Amino acid sequence: MVIRQILVVEELEVEKEVEKEVEKEVEKEVEKEVEKEVEKEVEKEVRRRLRRRMSMSGRV
């Protein structure tokens, strides 16, 4: 009986650790994806502003 309880407690602890690790990995992946998207949007905005400036100065 006691051994079963110990095993259940150990199993729960392992599950918690695995859950934490999975959360960390998911967070890292989400962060990477968000960074990529932000980078793309910034690039688009920079290009748009540059085109606008160039067209305003008559260079296009």
PDB file of N, CA and C in Angstrom:
ATOM      1  N   MET A   1       0.828  -1.200   0.000  1.00  0.00           N
ATOM      2  CA  MET A   1       0.000   0.000   0.000  1.00  0.00           C
ATOM      3  C   MET A   1       0.870   1.259   0.000  1.00  0.00           C
ATOM      4  N   VAL A   2       1.832   1.308   0.889  1.00  0.00           N
ATOM      5  CA  VAL A   2       2.714   2.467   0.997  1.00  0.00           C
ATOM      6  C   VAL A   2       3.556   2.614  -0.276  1.00  0.00           C
ATOM      7  N   ILE A   3       4.008   1.513  -0.799  1.00  0.00           N
ATOM      8  CA  ILE A   3       4.823   1.539  -2.013  1.00  0.00           C
ATOM      9  C   ILE A   3       4.009   2.120  -3.176  1.00  0.00           C
ATOM     10  N   ARG A   4       2.743   1.748  -3.253  1.00  0.00           N
ATOM     11  CA  ARG A   4       1.873   2.274  -4.306  1.00  0.00           C
ATOM     12  C   ARG A   4       1.733   3.785  -4.185  1.00  0.00           C
ATOM     13  N   GLN A   5       1.553   4.258  -2.954  1.00  0.00           N
ATOM     14  CA  GLN A   5       1.407   5.699  -2.727  1.00  0.00           C
ATOM     15  C   GLN A   5       2.691   6.431  -3.136  1.00  0.00           C
ATOM     16  N   ILE A   6       3.815   5.850  -2.786  1.00  0.00           N
ATOM     17  CA  ILE A   6       5.095   6.460  -3.144  1.00  0.00           C
ATOM     18  C   ILE A   6       5.228   6.509  -4.669  1.00  0.00           C
ATOM     19  N   LEU A   7       4.862   5.430  -5.317  1.00  0.00           N
ATOM     20  CA  LEU A   7       4.946   5.386  -6.775  1.00  0.00           C
ATOM     21  C   LEU A   7       4.033   6.416  -7.424  1.00  0.00           C
ATOM     22  N   VAL A   8       2.848   6.568  -6.881  1.00  0.00           N
ATOM     23  CA  VAL A   8       1.900   7.547  -7.416  1.00  0.00           C
ATOM     24  C   VAL A   8       2.460   8.962  -7.235  1.00  0.00           C
ATOM     25  N   VAL A   9       3.013   9.233  -6.074  1.00  0.00           N
ATOM     26  CA  VAL A   9       3.596  10.553  -5.806  1.00  0.00           C
ATOM     27  C   VAL A   9       4.771  10.805  -6.754  1.00  0.00           C
ATOM     28  N   GLU A  10       5.620   9.821  -6.926  1.00  0.00           N
ATOM     29  CA  GLU A  10       6.760   9.962  -7.835  1.00  0.00           C
ATOM     30  C   GLU A  10       6.291  10.180  -9.270  1.00  0.00           C
ATOM     31  N   GLU A  11       5.271   9.478  -9.665  1.00  0.00           N
ATOM     32  CA  GLU A  11       4.727   9.625 -11.008  1.00  0.00           C
ATOM     33  C   GLU A  11       4.191  11.053 -11.217  1.00  0.00           C
ATOM     34  N   LEU A  12       3.515  11.551 -10.228  1.00  0.00           N
ATOM     35  CA  LEU A  12       2.981  12.915 -10.304  1.00  0.00           C
ATOM     36  C   LEU A  12       4.111  13.934 -10.409  1.00  0.00           C
ATOM     37  N   GLU A  13       5.171  13.716  -9.665  1.00  0.00           N
ATOM     38  CA  GLU A  13       6.310  14.628  -9.708  1.00  0.00           C
ATOM     39  C   GLU A  13       6.956  14.612 -11.093  1.00  0.00           C
ATOM     40  N   VAL A  14       7.083  13.418 -11.647  1.00  0.00           N
ATOM     41  CA  VAL A  14       7.665  13.282 -12.980  1.00  0.00           C
ATOM     42  C   VAL A  14       6.765  13.984 -14.009  1.00  0.00           C
ATOM     43  N   GLU A  15       5.477  13.797 -13.893  1.00  0.00           N
ATOM     44  CA  GLU A  15       4.537  14.447 -14.804  1.00  0.00           C
ATOM     45  C   GLU A  15       4.670  15.970 -14.724  1.00  0.00           C
ATOM     46  N   LYS A  16       4.811  16.482 -13.515  1.00  0.00           N
ATOM     47  CA  LYS A  16       4.972  17.933 -13.339  1.00  0.00           C
ATOM     48  C   LYS A  16       6.245  18.417 -14.012  1.00  0.00           C
ATOM     49  N   GLU A  17       7.325  17.686 -13.849  1.00  0.00           N
ATOM     50  CA  GLU A  17       8.604  18.063 -14.461  1.00  0.00           C
ATOM     51  C   GLU A  17       8.498  18.048 -15.987  1.00  0.00           C
ATOM     52  N   VAL A  18       7.888  16.995 -16.511  1.00  0.00           N
ATOM     53  CA  VAL A  18       7.724  16.883 -17.956  1.00  0.00           C
ATOM     54  C   VAL A  18       6.867  18.046 -18.460  1.00  0.00           C
ATOM     55  N   GLU A  19       5.817  18.356 -17.751  1.00  0.00           N
ATOM     56  CA  GLU A  19       4.935  19.459 -18.127  1.00  0.00           C
ATOM     57  C   GLU A  19       5.712  20.781 -18.161  1.00  0.00           C
ATOM     58  N   LYS A  20       6.550  21.003 -17.155  1.00  0.00           N
ATOM     59  CA  LYS A  20       7.361  22.228 -17.109  1.00  0.00           C
ATOM     60  C   LYS A  20       8.286  22.303 -18.313  1.00  0.00           C
ATOM     61  N   GLU A  21       8.938  21.192 -18.619  1.00  0.00           N
ATOM     62  CA  GLU A  21       9.863  21.164 -19.754  1.00  0.00           C
ATOM     63  C   GLU A  21       9.126  21.422 -21.071  1.00  0.00           C
ATOM     64  N   VAL A  22       7.984  20.801 -21.217  1.00  0.00           N
ATOM     65  CA  VAL A  22       7.192  20.991 -22.433  1.00  0.00           C
ATOM     66  C   VAL A  22       6.769  22.456 -22.545  1.00  0.00           C
ATOM     67  N   GLU A  23       6.336  23.049 -21.451  1.00  0.00           N
ATOM     68  CA  GLU A  23       5.945  24.461 -21.450  1.00  0.00           C
ATOM     69  C   GLU A  23       7.107  25.347 -21.874  1.00  0.00           C
ATOM     70  N   LYS A  24       8.294  25.066 -21.340  1.00  0.00           N
ATOM     71  CA  LYS A  24       9.481  25.852 -21.691  1.00  0.00           C
ATOM     72  C   LYS A  24       9.752  25.766 -23.183  1.00  0.00           C
ATOM     73  N   GLU A  25       9.690  24.553 -23.719  1.00  0.00           N
ATOM     74  CA  GLU A  25       9.959  24.352 -25.141  1.00  0.00           C
ATOM     75  C   GLU A  25       8.914  25.064 -26.000  1.00  0.00           C
ATOM     76  N   VAL A  26       7.669  24.948 -25.608  1.00  0.00           N
ATOM     77  CA  VAL A  26       6.595  25.602 -26.353  1.00  0.00           C
ATOM     78  C   VAL A  26       6.794  27.117 -26.314  1.00  0.00           C
ATOM     79  N   GLU A  27       7.135  27.651 -25.148  1.00  0.00           N
ATOM     80  CA  GLU A  27       7.382  29.090 -25.021  1.00  0.00           C
ATOM     81  C   GLU A  27       8.506  29.532 -25.950  1.00  0.00           C
ATOM     82  N   LYS A  28       9.588  28.748 -25.986  1.00  0.00           N
ATOM     83  CA  LYS A  28      10.714  29.082 -26.860  1.00  0.00           C
ATOM     84  C   LYS A  28      10.269  29.121 -28.315  1.00  0.00           C
ATOM     85  N   GLU A  29       9.512  28.109 -28.724  1.00  0.00           N
ATOM     86  CA  GLU A  29       9.054  28.041 -30.113  1.00  0.00           C
ATOM     87  C   GLU A  29       8.125  29.210 -30.448  1.00  0.00           C
ATOM     88  N   VAL A  30       7.224  29.510 -29.546  1.00  0.00           N
ATOM     89  CA  VAL A  30       6.295  30.620 -29.764  1.00  0.00           C
ATOM     90  C   VAL A  30       7.076  31.926 -29.866  1.00  0.00           C
ATOM     91  N   GLU A  31       8.057  32.096 -28.987  1.00  0.00           N
ATOM     92  CA  GLU A  31       8.883  33.299 -28.999  1.00  0.00           C
ATOM     93  C   GLU A  31       9.595  33.450 -30.349  1.00  0.00           C
ATOM     94  N   LYS A  32      10.153  32.340 -30.844  1.00  0.00           N
ATOM     95  CA  LYS A  32      10.842  32.374 -32.138  1.00  0.00           C
ATOM     96  C   LYS A  32       9.883  32.794 -33.245  1.00  0.00           C
ATOM     97  N   GLU A  33       8.691  32.203 -33.251  1.00  0.00           N
ATOM     98  CA  GLU A  33       7.710  32.513 -34.287  1.00  0.00           C
ATOM     99  C   GLU A  33       7.283  33.980 -34.209  1.00  0.00           C
ATOM    100  N   VAL A  34       7.074  34.460 -32.998  1.00  0.00           N
ATOM    101  CA  VAL A  34       6.673  35.857 -32.826  1.00  0.00           C
ATOM    102  C   VAL A  34       7.790  36.780 -33.316  1.00  0.00           C
ATOM    103  N   GLU A  35       9.023  36.460 -32.983  1.00  0.00           N
ATOM    104  CA  GLU A  35      10.160  37.260 -33.442  1.00  0.00           C
ATOM    105  C   GLU A  35      10.201  37.320 -34.962  1.00  0.00           C
ATOM    106  N   LYS A  36      10.006  36.163 -35.609  1.00  0.00           N
ATOM    107  CA  LYS A  36      10.024  36.116 -37.069  1.00  0.00           C
ATOM    108  C   LYS A  36       8.935  37.015 -37.646  1.00  0.00           C
ATOM    109  N   GLU A  37       7.735  36.912 -37.091  1.00  0.00           N
ATOM    110  CA  GLU A  37       6.615  37.709 -37.592  1.00  0.00           C
ATOM    111  C   GLU A  37       6.865  39.204 -37.392  1.00  0.00           C
ATOM    112  N   VAL A  38       7.378  39.555 -36.223  1.00  0.00           N
ATOM    113  CA  VAL A  38       7.666  40.963 -35.945  1.00  0.00           C
ATOM    114  C   VAL A  38       8.724  41.468 -36.921  1.00  0.00           C
ATOM    115  N   GLU A  39       9.752  40.672 -37.134  1.00  0.00           N
ATOM    116  CA  GLU A  39      10.810  41.040 -38.064  1.00  0.00           C
ATOM    117  C   GLU A  39      10.244  41.293 -39.465  1.00  0.00           C
ATOM    118  N   LYS A  40       9.366  40.399 -39.920  1.00  0.00           N
ATOM    119  CA  LYS A  40       8.748  40.556 -41.235  1.00  0.00           C
ATOM    120  C   LYS A  40       7.960  41.862 -41.308  1.00  0.00           C
ATOM    121  N   GLU A  41       7.169  42.123 -40.275  1.00  0.00           N
ATOM    122  CA  GLU A  41       6.345  43.329 -40.267  1.00  0.00           C
ATOM    123  C   GLU A  41       7.204  44.586 -40.242  1.00  0.00           C
ATOM    124  N   VAL A  42       8.278  44.560 -39.476  1.00  0.00           N
ATOM    125  CA  VAL A  42       9.179  45.716 -39.414  1.00  0.00           C
ATOM    126  C   VAL A  42       9.808  45.943 -40.784  1.00  0.00           C
ATOM    127  N   GLU A  43      10.245  44.870 -41.419  1.00  0.00           N
ATOM    128  CA  GLU A  43      10.829  44.980 -42.753  1.00  0.00           C
ATOM    129  C   GLU A  43       9.848  45.591 -43.743  1.00  0.00           C
ATOM    130  N   LYS A  44       8.606  45.112 -43.700  1.00  0.00           N
ATOM    131  CA  LYS A  44       7.578  45.646 -44.599  1.00  0.00           C
ATOM    132  C   LYS A  44       7.405  47.147 -44.368  1.00  0.00           C
ATOM    133  N   GLU A  45       7.319  47.529 -43.104  1.00  0.00           N
ATOM    134  CA  GLU A  45       7.107  48.932 -42.765  1.00  0.00           C
ATOM    135  C   GLU A  45       8.293  49.788 -43.207  1.00  0.00           C
ATOM    136  N   VAL A  46       9.506  49.293 -43.001  1.00  0.00           N
ATOM    137  CA  VAL A  46      10.705  50.037 -43.409  1.00  0.00           C
ATOM    138  C   VAL A  46      10.697  50.226 -44.920  1.00  0.00           C
ATOM    139  N   ARG A  47      10.385  49.169 -45.655  1.00  0.00           N
ATOM    140  CA  ARG A  47      10.338  49.273 -47.122  1.00  0.00           C
ATOM    141  C   ARG A  47       9.273  50.265 -47.573  1.00  0.00           C
ATOM    142  N   ARG A  48       8.126  50.185 -46.932  1.00  0.00           N
ATOM    143  CA  ARG A  48       7.015  51.075 -47.293  1.00  0.00           C
ATOM    144  C   ARG A  48       7.413  52.536 -47.067  1.00  0.00           C
ATOM    145  N   ARG A  49       8.015  52.799 -45.905  1.00  0.00           N
ATOM    146  CA  ARG A  49       8.424  54.177 -45.609  1.00  0.00           C
ATOM    147  C   ARG A  49       9.524  54.649 -46.547  1.00  0.00           C
ATOM    148  N   LEU A  50      10.448  53.768 -46.871  1.00  0.00           N
ATOM    149  CA  LEU A  50      11.531  54.131 -47.780  1.00  0.00           C
ATOM    150  C   LEU A  50      10.977  54.460 -49.172  1.00  0.00           C
ATOM    151  N   ARG A  51      10.051  53.626 -49.648  1.00  0.00           N
ATOM    152  CA  ARG A  51       9.421  53.897 -50.953  1.00  0.00           C
ATOM    153  C   ARG A  51       8.708  55.242 -50.931  1.00  0.00           C
ATOM    154  N   ARG A  52       8.002  55.510 -49.837  1.00  0.00           N
ATOM    155  CA  ARG A  52       7.269  56.769 -49.733  1.00  0.00           C
ATOM    156  C   ARG A  52       8.239  57.953 -49.777  1.00  0.00           C
ATOM    157  N   ARG A  53       9.320  57.867 -49.024  1.00  0.00           N
ATOM    158  CA  ARG A  53      10.306  58.962 -49.008  1.00  0.00           C
ATOM    159  C   ARG A  53      10.922  59.166 -50.387  1.00  0.00           C
ATOM    160  N   MET A  54      11.260  58.031 -51.014  1.00  0.00           N
ATOM    161  CA  MET A  54      11.885  58.135 -52.333  1.00  0.00           C
ATOM    162  C   MET A  54      10.915  58.736 -53.337  1.00  0.00           C
ATOM    163  N   SER A  55       9.651  58.367 -53.264  1.00  0.00           N
ATOM    164  CA  SER A  55       8.676  58.908 -54.205  1.00  0.00           C
ATOM    165  C   SER A  55       8.413  60.380 -53.915  1.00  0.00           C
ATOM    166  N   MET A  56       8.478  60.771 -52.665  1.00  0.00           N
ATOM    167  CA  MET A  56       8.270  62.171 -52.315  1.00  0.00           C
ATOM    168  C   MET A  56       9.427  63.035 -52.811  1.00  0.00           C
ATOM    169  N   SER A  57      10.621  62.455 -52.824  1.00  0.00           N
ATOM    170  CA  SER A  57      11.775  63.232 -53.291  1.00  0.00           C
ATOM    171  C   SER A  57      11.959  63.099 -54.798  1.00  0.00           C
ATOM    172  N   GLY A  58      11.075  62.344 -55.444  1.00  0.00           N
ATOM    173  CA  GLY A  58      11.109  62.217 -56.897  1.00  0.00           C
ATOM    174  C   GLY A  58      12.135  61.235 -57.410  1.00  0.00           C
ATOM    175  N   ARG A  59      12.528  60.299 -56.606  1.00  0.00           N
ATOM    176  CA  ARG A  59      13.562  59.345 -57.033  1.00  0.00           C
ATOM    177  C   ARG A  59      13.001  58.061 -57.611  1.00  0.00           C
ATOM    178  N   VAL A  60      11.723  57.882 -57.582  1.00  0.00           N
ATOM    179  CA  VAL A  60      11.164  56.627 -58.087  1.00  0.00           C
ATOM    180  C   VAL A  60      10.629  56.791 -59.475  1.00  0.00           C
TER     181      VAL A  60
END
